């Protein structure tokens, strides 16, 4: 832990550019998920949305990243009434840089895809906690609990 999160410059669901510099100066969470509107991904996004007030109370921001298009993200946000920034990484540059793109085994079939995970970044953009290959149930709550703990320490 403590290594710098990779620089990135992606586009959010509103077509606005969003880079690492947009997260600096506050604690933040960047989470990676496979696909808009998939059942597990919808549950995870709803969980982060339900906790948005708690993240805000901690002066922290949660941002989701997937390879889906800007248009897909916009529809996902509207349909699921999400209060999140979702970043589009169709070239999988950030996904690969953080190890969130890799070989997965789904129902006995191996294929490349998004490996669900999350990172807590401190105000300088350094990684303070990383989760890889996570299960959706309870994940957003675990991230919030760890962020709360880290903020008390730091």
N, C-alpha and C. Protein backbone atom coordinates (compact mmCIF):
# COMPACT_ATOMS: atom_id res chain seq x y z
N UNK A 1 0.84 -1.17 0.00
CA UNK A 1 0.00 0.00 0.00
C UNK A 1 0.89 1.24 0.00
N UNK A 2 0.30 2.33 -0.36
CA UNK A 2 1.05 3.58 -0.39
C UNK A 2 1.56 3.96 -1.76
N UNK A 3 1.48 3.02 -2.72
CA UNK A 3 1.93 3.39 -4.06
C UNK A 3 0.89 4.27 -4.75
N UNK A 4 1.35 5.09 -5.64
CA UNK A 4 0.49 6.04 -6.33
C UNK A 4 -0.47 5.33 -7.28
N UNK A 5 -1.73 5.73 -7.26
CA UNK A 5 -2.71 5.20 -8.20
C UNK A 5 -2.33 5.69 -9.59
N UNK A 6 -2.51 4.87 -10.63
CA UNK A 6 -2.10 5.31 -11.97
C UNK A 6 -2.86 6.55 -12.45
N UNK A 7 -2.15 7.38 -13.18
CA UNK A 7 -2.80 8.53 -13.83
C UNK A 7 -3.82 7.99 -14.82
N UNK A 8 -4.93 8.70 -14.96
CA UNK A 8 -5.94 8.32 -15.96
C UNK A 8 -6.68 9.56 -16.39
N UNK A 9 -7.30 9.46 -17.55
CA UNK A 9 -8.14 10.53 -18.09
C UNK A 9 -9.23 9.84 -18.90
N UNK A 10 -10.40 9.68 -18.28
CA UNK A 10 -11.51 8.98 -18.90
C UNK A 10 -12.69 9.93 -19.03
N UNK A 11 -13.81 9.43 -19.51
CA UNK A 11 -15.02 10.24 -19.69
C UNK A 11 -16.14 9.62 -18.86
N UNK A 12 -16.91 10.50 -18.19
CA UNK A 12 -18.01 10.01 -17.35
C UNK A 12 -19.31 9.88 -18.15
N UNK A 13 -20.37 9.49 -17.46
CA UNK A 13 -21.67 9.26 -18.12
C UNK A 13 -22.27 10.52 -18.72
N UNK A 14 -21.76 11.68 -18.34
CA UNK A 14 -22.26 12.94 -18.90
C UNK A 14 -21.38 13.48 -20.02
N UNK A 15 -20.37 12.70 -20.41
CA UNK A 15 -19.48 13.12 -21.48
C UNK A 15 -18.37 14.06 -21.01
N UNK A 16 -18.21 14.20 -19.69
CA UNK A 16 -17.18 15.08 -19.14
C UNK A 16 -15.91 14.29 -18.84
N UNK A 17 -14.77 14.91 -19.11
CA UNK A 17 -13.48 14.29 -18.81
C UNK A 17 -13.30 14.23 -17.30
N UNK A 18 -12.72 13.14 -16.85
CA UNK A 18 -12.49 12.92 -15.42
C UNK A 18 -11.14 12.24 -15.28
N UNK A 19 -10.26 12.84 -14.51
CA UNK A 19 -8.90 12.33 -14.36
C UNK A 19 -8.57 12.14 -12.89
N UNK A 20 -7.42 11.54 -12.64
CA UNK A 20 -6.98 11.34 -11.27
C UNK A 20 -6.97 12.67 -10.51
N UNK A 21 -6.59 13.74 -11.17
CA UNK A 21 -6.52 15.05 -10.50
C UNK A 21 -7.87 15.47 -9.91
N UNK A 22 -8.98 14.93 -10.46
CA UNK A 22 -10.31 15.24 -9.93
C UNK A 22 -10.56 14.60 -8.56
N UNK A 23 -9.72 13.64 -8.19
CA UNK A 23 -9.88 12.96 -6.91
C UNK A 23 -8.90 13.47 -5.85
N UNK A 24 -7.88 14.17 -6.27
CA UNK A 24 -6.86 14.63 -5.33
C UNK A 24 -7.43 15.67 -4.38
N UNK A 25 -6.90 15.68 -3.16
CA UNK A 25 -7.36 16.64 -2.16
C UNK A 25 -8.44 16.09 -1.25
N UNK A 26 -8.90 14.86 -1.50
CA UNK A 26 -9.91 14.21 -0.65
C UNK A 26 -9.70 12.70 -0.74
N UNK A 27 -10.22 11.99 0.22
CA UNK A 27 -10.22 10.54 0.16
C UNK A 27 -11.19 10.11 -0.93
N UNK A 28 -10.90 9.01 -1.59
CA UNK A 28 -11.80 8.55 -2.65
C UNK A 28 -11.73 7.04 -2.79
N UNK A 29 -12.76 6.54 -3.46
CA UNK A 29 -12.87 5.11 -3.76
C UNK A 29 -13.06 4.99 -5.27
N UNK A 30 -12.25 4.15 -5.88
CA UNK A 30 -12.44 3.82 -7.29
C UNK A 30 -12.75 2.33 -7.34
N UNK A 31 -13.94 2.00 -7.83
CA UNK A 31 -14.29 0.58 -7.90
C UNK A 31 -14.50 0.17 -9.35
N UNK A 32 -14.21 -1.08 -9.63
CA UNK A 32 -14.26 -1.62 -10.99
C UNK A 32 -15.30 -2.72 -11.06
N UNK A 33 -16.12 -2.66 -12.09
CA UNK A 33 -17.21 -3.63 -12.23
C UNK A 33 -17.34 -4.03 -13.70
N UNK A 34 -17.87 -5.23 -13.97
CA UNK A 34 -17.90 -5.74 -15.33
C UNK A 34 -18.86 -5.07 -16.32
N UNK A 35 -20.13 -4.86 -15.93
CA UNK A 35 -21.09 -4.47 -16.96
C UNK A 35 -22.30 -3.74 -16.38
N UNK A 36 -22.64 -2.64 -17.02
CA UNK A 36 -23.85 -1.91 -16.65
C UNK A 36 -25.07 -2.83 -16.77
N UNK A 37 -25.98 -2.69 -15.84
CA UNK A 37 -27.27 -3.37 -15.83
C UNK A 37 -27.21 -4.87 -15.55
N UNK A 38 -26.03 -5.45 -15.40
CA UNK A 38 -25.95 -6.85 -14.98
C UNK A 38 -26.44 -6.89 -13.53
N UNK A 39 -27.03 -7.99 -13.11
CA UNK A 39 -27.66 -8.03 -11.80
C UNK A 39 -26.69 -7.72 -10.65
N UNK A 40 -25.53 -8.37 -10.63
CA UNK A 40 -24.57 -8.12 -9.54
C UNK A 40 -24.03 -6.69 -9.62
N UNK A 41 -23.78 -6.21 -10.82
CA UNK A 41 -23.25 -4.85 -10.99
C UNK A 41 -24.29 -3.81 -10.58
N UNK A 42 -25.54 -4.09 -10.87
CA UNK A 42 -26.61 -3.19 -10.45
C UNK A 42 -26.72 -3.14 -8.93
N UNK A 43 -26.62 -4.31 -8.30
CA UNK A 43 -26.68 -4.37 -6.84
C UNK A 43 -25.52 -3.58 -6.23
N UNK A 44 -24.32 -3.76 -6.77
CA UNK A 44 -23.16 -3.05 -6.24
C UNK A 44 -23.32 -1.53 -6.40
N UNK A 45 -23.76 -1.10 -7.57
CA UNK A 45 -23.95 0.34 -7.82
C UNK A 45 -25.02 0.91 -6.91
N UNK A 46 -26.09 0.15 -6.68
CA UNK A 46 -27.14 0.61 -5.77
C UNK A 46 -26.61 0.70 -4.34
N UNK A 47 -25.76 -0.26 -3.95
CA UNK A 47 -25.17 -0.22 -2.61
C UNK A 47 -24.31 1.02 -2.44
N UNK A 48 -23.47 1.32 -3.42
CA UNK A 48 -22.64 2.53 -3.34
C UNK A 48 -23.51 3.78 -3.33
N UNK A 49 -24.59 3.77 -4.11
CA UNK A 49 -25.51 4.91 -4.13
C UNK A 49 -26.18 5.09 -2.77
N UNK A 50 -26.63 4.00 -2.17
CA UNK A 50 -27.28 4.08 -0.86
C UNK A 50 -26.34 4.62 0.21
N UNK A 51 -25.05 4.40 0.02
CA UNK A 51 -24.06 4.88 0.99
C UNK A 51 -23.45 6.22 0.59
N UNK A 52 -23.94 6.82 -0.49
CA UNK A 52 -23.36 8.08 -0.99
C UNK A 52 -23.35 9.17 0.08
N UNK A 53 -24.40 9.25 0.88
CA UNK A 53 -24.45 10.27 1.94
C UNK A 53 -23.34 10.03 2.96
N UNK A 54 -23.12 8.77 3.30
CA UNK A 54 -22.07 8.42 4.26
C UNK A 54 -20.68 8.77 3.71
N UNK A 55 -20.47 8.49 2.41
CA UNK A 55 -19.20 8.86 1.78
C UNK A 55 -19.03 10.39 1.81
N UNK A 56 -20.13 11.09 1.53
CA UNK A 56 -20.07 12.55 1.52
C UNK A 56 -19.76 13.09 2.92
N UNK A 57 -20.35 12.47 3.95
CA UNK A 57 -20.05 12.88 5.33
C UNK A 57 -18.57 12.73 5.65
N UNK A 58 -17.93 11.75 5.01
CA UNK A 58 -16.49 11.53 5.19
C UNK A 58 -15.67 12.39 4.23
N UNK A 59 -16.37 13.27 3.49
CA UNK A 59 -15.73 14.11 2.47
C UNK A 59 -14.96 13.25 1.46
N UNK A 60 -15.59 12.14 1.07
CA UNK A 60 -14.99 11.20 0.12
C UNK A 60 -15.91 11.02 -1.08
N UNK A 61 -15.33 10.58 -2.16
CA UNK A 61 -16.09 10.37 -3.40
C UNK A 61 -15.87 8.94 -3.86
N UNK A 62 -16.95 8.28 -4.30
CA UNK A 62 -16.86 6.95 -4.89
C UNK A 62 -17.13 7.06 -6.39
N UNK A 63 -16.27 6.42 -7.17
CA UNK A 63 -16.35 6.47 -8.63
C UNK A 63 -16.28 5.03 -9.16
N UNK A 64 -17.16 4.69 -10.09
CA UNK A 64 -17.15 3.37 -10.70
C UNK A 64 -16.53 3.41 -12.08
N UNK A 65 -15.89 2.30 -12.48
CA UNK A 65 -15.24 2.20 -13.79
C UNK A 65 -15.59 0.86 -14.42
N UNK A 66 -15.99 0.90 -15.69
CA UNK A 66 -16.17 -0.32 -16.47
C UNK A 66 -15.84 0.00 -17.92
N UNK A 67 -15.73 -1.04 -18.76
CA UNK A 67 -15.43 -0.78 -20.17
C UNK A 67 -16.66 -0.35 -20.99
N UNK A 68 -17.83 -0.27 -20.35
CA UNK A 68 -19.04 0.12 -21.08
C UNK A 68 -18.95 1.55 -21.60
N UNK A 69 -19.75 1.85 -22.60
CA UNK A 69 -19.74 3.17 -23.25
C UNK A 69 -20.36 4.25 -22.36
N UNK A 70 -20.11 5.48 -22.72
CA UNK A 70 -20.69 6.63 -22.03
C UNK A 70 -22.22 6.53 -22.07
N UNK A 71 -22.75 6.17 -23.23
CA UNK A 71 -24.20 6.07 -23.39
C UNK A 71 -24.77 4.97 -22.50
N UNK A 72 -24.07 3.86 -22.41
CA UNK A 72 -24.51 2.77 -21.53
C UNK A 72 -24.52 3.24 -20.08
N UNK A 73 -23.45 3.93 -19.67
CA UNK A 73 -23.39 4.46 -18.31
C UNK A 73 -24.54 5.42 -18.03
N UNK A 74 -24.82 6.31 -18.98
CA UNK A 74 -25.89 7.30 -18.80
C UNK A 74 -27.23 6.59 -18.60
N UNK A 75 -27.48 5.57 -19.39
CA UNK A 75 -28.72 4.81 -19.26
C UNK A 75 -28.80 4.06 -17.95
N UNK A 76 -27.67 3.50 -17.53
CA UNK A 76 -27.58 2.76 -16.27
C UNK A 76 -27.87 3.68 -15.09
N UNK A 77 -27.25 4.85 -15.08
CA UNK A 77 -27.46 5.83 -14.02
C UNK A 77 -28.94 6.24 -13.95
N UNK A 78 -29.52 6.50 -15.10
CA UNK A 78 -30.93 6.93 -15.14
C UNK A 78 -31.87 5.81 -14.71
N UNK A 79 -31.67 4.63 -15.29
CA UNK A 79 -32.56 3.50 -15.02
C UNK A 79 -32.52 3.06 -13.55
N UNK A 80 -31.33 3.04 -12.97
CA UNK A 80 -31.17 2.57 -11.60
C UNK A 80 -31.16 3.70 -10.57
N UNK A 81 -31.33 4.96 -11.05
CA UNK A 81 -31.35 6.14 -10.18
C UNK A 81 -30.11 6.20 -9.30
N UNK A 82 -28.95 6.09 -9.96
CA UNK A 82 -27.68 6.09 -9.25
C UNK A 82 -27.18 7.50 -9.01
N UNK A 83 -26.49 7.67 -7.91
CA UNK A 83 -25.85 8.94 -7.58
C UNK A 83 -24.33 8.71 -7.56
N UNK A 84 -23.82 8.33 -8.70
CA UNK A 84 -22.41 7.99 -8.83
C UNK A 84 -21.85 8.57 -10.12
N UNK A 85 -20.55 8.76 -10.11
CA UNK A 85 -19.85 9.04 -11.36
C UNK A 85 -19.37 7.70 -11.88
N UNK A 86 -19.74 7.40 -13.12
CA UNK A 86 -19.28 6.16 -13.76
C UNK A 86 -18.39 6.54 -14.93
N UNK A 87 -17.20 5.96 -14.95
CA UNK A 87 -16.22 6.28 -15.99
C UNK A 87 -16.15 5.15 -17.01
N UNK A 88 -16.04 5.56 -18.26
CA UNK A 88 -15.96 4.62 -19.37
C UNK A 88 -14.49 4.38 -19.74
N UNK A 89 -14.09 3.12 -19.74
CA UNK A 89 -12.72 2.73 -20.09
C UNK A 89 -12.76 1.65 -21.18
N UNK A 90 -13.28 2.01 -22.37
CA UNK A 90 -13.45 1.00 -23.42
C UNK A 90 -12.14 0.40 -23.92
N UNK A 91 -11.05 1.14 -23.81
CA UNK A 91 -9.74 0.62 -24.24
C UNK A 91 -9.08 -0.18 -23.11
N UNK A 92 -9.71 -0.19 -21.95
CA UNK A 92 -9.26 -0.94 -20.78
C UNK A 92 -7.87 -0.52 -20.28
N UNK A 93 -7.52 0.74 -20.49
CA UNK A 93 -6.21 1.25 -20.09
C UNK A 93 -6.08 1.25 -18.56
N UNK A 94 -7.03 1.88 -17.87
CA UNK A 94 -6.98 1.91 -16.40
C UNK A 94 -7.25 0.53 -15.83
N UNK A 95 -8.21 -0.18 -16.40
CA UNK A 95 -8.51 -1.53 -15.92
C UNK A 95 -7.25 -2.40 -15.91
N UNK A 96 -6.49 -2.36 -16.99
CA UNK A 96 -5.26 -3.16 -17.07
C UNK A 96 -4.19 -2.62 -16.12
N UNK A 97 -4.10 -1.31 -15.99
CA UNK A 97 -3.06 -0.70 -15.15
C UNK A 97 -3.20 -1.09 -13.68
N UNK A 98 -4.43 -1.33 -13.23
CA UNK A 98 -4.64 -1.69 -11.82
C UNK A 98 -4.90 -3.18 -11.62
N UNK A 99 -4.81 -3.95 -12.69
CA UNK A 99 -5.03 -5.39 -12.58
C UNK A 99 -6.48 -5.80 -12.52
N UNK A 100 -7.38 -4.91 -12.95
CA UNK A 100 -8.81 -5.21 -12.94
C UNK A 100 -9.29 -5.83 -14.25
N UNK A 101 -8.38 -6.11 -15.15
CA UNK A 101 -8.70 -6.81 -16.40
C UNK A 101 -7.84 -8.06 -16.42
N UNK A 102 -8.48 -9.20 -16.51
CA UNK A 102 -7.70 -10.43 -16.51
C UNK A 102 -8.52 -11.64 -16.84
N UNK A 103 -7.86 -12.78 -16.77
CA UNK A 103 -8.49 -14.05 -17.06
C UNK A 103 -9.40 -14.42 -15.90
N UNK A 104 -10.64 -14.75 -16.24
CA UNK A 104 -11.64 -15.12 -15.23
C UNK A 104 -12.20 -16.49 -15.58
N UNK A 105 -12.71 -17.15 -14.57
CA UNK A 105 -13.37 -18.43 -14.77
C UNK A 105 -14.82 -18.25 -14.37
N UNK A 106 -15.72 -18.21 -15.35
CA UNK A 106 -17.14 -18.02 -15.10
C UNK A 106 -17.88 -19.28 -15.54
N UNK A 107 -18.48 -19.95 -14.58
CA UNK A 107 -19.21 -21.19 -14.84
C UNK A 107 -18.35 -22.20 -15.59
N UNK A 108 -17.08 -22.31 -15.21
CA UNK A 108 -16.18 -23.28 -15.81
C UNK A 108 -15.56 -22.86 -17.13
N UNK A 109 -15.89 -21.66 -17.60
CA UNK A 109 -15.34 -21.19 -18.87
C UNK A 109 -14.38 -20.02 -18.61
N UNK A 110 -13.16 -20.14 -19.13
CA UNK A 110 -12.19 -19.08 -18.96
C UNK A 110 -12.32 -18.05 -20.07
N UNK A 111 -12.29 -16.79 -19.67
CA UNK A 111 -12.31 -15.70 -20.64
C UNK A 111 -11.77 -14.45 -19.95
N UNK A 112 -11.37 -13.49 -20.75
CA UNK A 112 -10.89 -12.23 -20.20
C UNK A 112 -12.06 -11.31 -19.89
N UNK A 113 -11.94 -10.59 -18.79
CA UNK A 113 -12.99 -9.67 -18.41
C UNK A 113 -12.57 -8.84 -17.22
N UNK A 114 -13.52 -8.05 -16.73
CA UNK A 114 -13.26 -7.19 -15.57
C UNK A 114 -13.27 -8.05 -14.31
N UNK A 115 -12.22 -7.89 -13.52
CA UNK A 115 -12.13 -8.53 -12.22
C UNK A 115 -12.60 -7.49 -11.21
N UNK A 116 -13.74 -7.76 -10.60
CA UNK A 116 -14.35 -6.79 -9.68
C UNK A 116 -13.40 -6.47 -8.54
N UNK A 117 -13.25 -5.17 -8.26
CA UNK A 117 -12.36 -4.76 -7.17
C UNK A 117 -12.55 -3.30 -6.84
N UNK A 118 -11.78 -2.83 -5.87
CA UNK A 118 -11.88 -1.43 -5.45
C UNK A 118 -10.57 -1.00 -4.80
N UNK A 119 -10.36 0.32 -4.82
CA UNK A 119 -9.19 0.93 -4.21
C UNK A 119 -9.63 2.14 -3.41
N UNK A 120 -9.07 2.28 -2.20
CA UNK A 120 -9.24 3.51 -1.45
C UNK A 120 -7.98 4.32 -1.65
N UNK A 121 -8.16 5.58 -2.06
CA UNK A 121 -7.05 6.49 -2.29
C UNK A 121 -7.06 7.59 -1.25
N UNK A 122 -5.88 7.95 -0.77
CA UNK A 122 -5.80 9.07 0.16
C UNK A 122 -5.82 10.38 -0.63
N UNK A 123 -5.83 11.53 0.02
CA UNK A 123 -5.93 12.81 -0.70
C UNK A 123 -4.78 13.09 -1.69
N UNK A 124 -3.68 12.37 -1.55
CA UNK A 124 -2.56 12.55 -2.48
C UNK A 124 -2.60 11.55 -3.64
N UNK A 125 -3.61 10.68 -3.65
CA UNK A 125 -3.76 9.69 -4.72
C UNK A 125 -2.99 8.41 -4.48
N UNK A 126 -2.54 8.19 -3.25
CA UNK A 126 -1.83 6.96 -2.91
C UNK A 126 -2.85 5.89 -2.49
N UNK A 127 -2.61 4.66 -2.89
CA UNK A 127 -3.49 3.54 -2.56
C UNK A 127 -3.30 3.17 -1.09
N UNK A 128 -4.39 3.22 -0.33
CA UNK A 128 -4.33 2.86 1.08
C UNK A 128 -4.98 1.51 1.37
N UNK A 129 -5.80 1.04 0.45
CA UNK A 129 -6.42 -0.28 0.59
C UNK A 129 -6.87 -0.73 -0.79
N UNK A 130 -6.67 -2.02 -1.08
CA UNK A 130 -7.10 -2.57 -2.36
C UNK A 130 -7.87 -3.87 -2.12
N UNK A 131 -8.92 -4.06 -2.88
CA UNK A 131 -9.68 -5.30 -2.88
C UNK A 131 -9.64 -5.84 -4.31
N UNK A 132 -9.40 -7.13 -4.45
CA UNK A 132 -9.46 -7.76 -5.77
C UNK A 132 -10.33 -9.01 -5.68
N UNK A 133 -10.97 -9.31 -6.77
CA UNK A 133 -11.83 -10.50 -6.86
C UNK A 133 -12.86 -10.52 -5.72
N UNK A 134 -13.59 -9.44 -5.58
CA UNK A 134 -14.54 -9.33 -4.48
C UNK A 134 -15.92 -9.87 -4.84
N UNK A 135 -16.66 -10.22 -3.84
CA UNK A 135 -18.07 -10.57 -3.96
C UNK A 135 -18.87 -9.29 -3.74
N UNK A 136 -19.99 -9.15 -4.40
CA UNK A 136 -20.79 -7.93 -4.33
C UNK A 136 -21.41 -7.72 -2.95
N UNK A 137 -22.00 -8.77 -2.42
CA UNK A 137 -22.75 -8.63 -1.16
C UNK A 137 -21.83 -8.13 -0.04
N UNK A 138 -22.17 -6.97 0.50
CA UNK A 138 -21.42 -6.39 1.60
C UNK A 138 -20.17 -5.63 1.20
N UNK A 139 -19.85 -5.61 -0.08
CA UNK A 139 -18.61 -4.97 -0.53
C UNK A 139 -18.60 -3.46 -0.27
N UNK A 140 -19.66 -2.77 -0.67
CA UNK A 140 -19.70 -1.31 -0.48
C UNK A 140 -19.62 -0.96 1.01
N UNK A 141 -20.28 -1.74 1.84
CA UNK A 141 -20.24 -1.50 3.28
C UNK A 141 -18.83 -1.72 3.83
N UNK A 142 -18.14 -2.75 3.34
CA UNK A 142 -16.77 -3.01 3.78
C UNK A 142 -15.84 -1.88 3.37
N UNK A 143 -16.04 -1.34 2.17
CA UNK A 143 -15.24 -0.22 1.70
C UNK A 143 -15.47 1.00 2.60
N UNK A 144 -16.73 1.28 2.90
CA UNK A 144 -17.06 2.42 3.76
C UNK A 144 -16.44 2.24 5.15
N UNK A 145 -16.53 1.04 5.71
CA UNK A 145 -15.97 0.78 7.04
C UNK A 145 -14.46 0.98 7.04
N UNK A 146 -13.77 0.49 6.02
CA UNK A 146 -12.32 0.65 5.95
C UNK A 146 -11.94 2.12 5.74
N UNK A 147 -12.70 2.82 4.93
CA UNK A 147 -12.44 4.25 4.72
C UNK A 147 -12.60 5.02 6.02
N UNK A 148 -13.65 4.70 6.78
CA UNK A 148 -13.88 5.34 8.07
C UNK A 148 -12.68 5.10 9.00
N UNK A 149 -12.22 3.86 9.03
CA UNK A 149 -11.06 3.51 9.86
C UNK A 149 -9.81 4.25 9.41
N UNK A 150 -9.55 4.28 8.12
CA UNK A 150 -8.35 4.96 7.60
C UNK A 150 -8.37 6.46 7.88
N UNK A 151 -9.54 7.07 7.75
CA UNK A 151 -9.64 8.51 8.02
C UNK A 151 -9.36 8.81 9.49
N UNK A 152 -9.74 7.92 10.39
CA UNK A 152 -9.47 8.14 11.82
C UNK A 152 -7.97 8.04 12.10
N UNK A 153 -7.31 7.11 11.40
CA UNK A 153 -5.86 6.93 11.58
C UNK A 153 -5.10 8.09 10.96
N UNK A 154 -5.51 8.45 9.72
CA UNK A 154 -4.78 9.48 8.98
C UNK A 154 -5.31 10.83 9.26
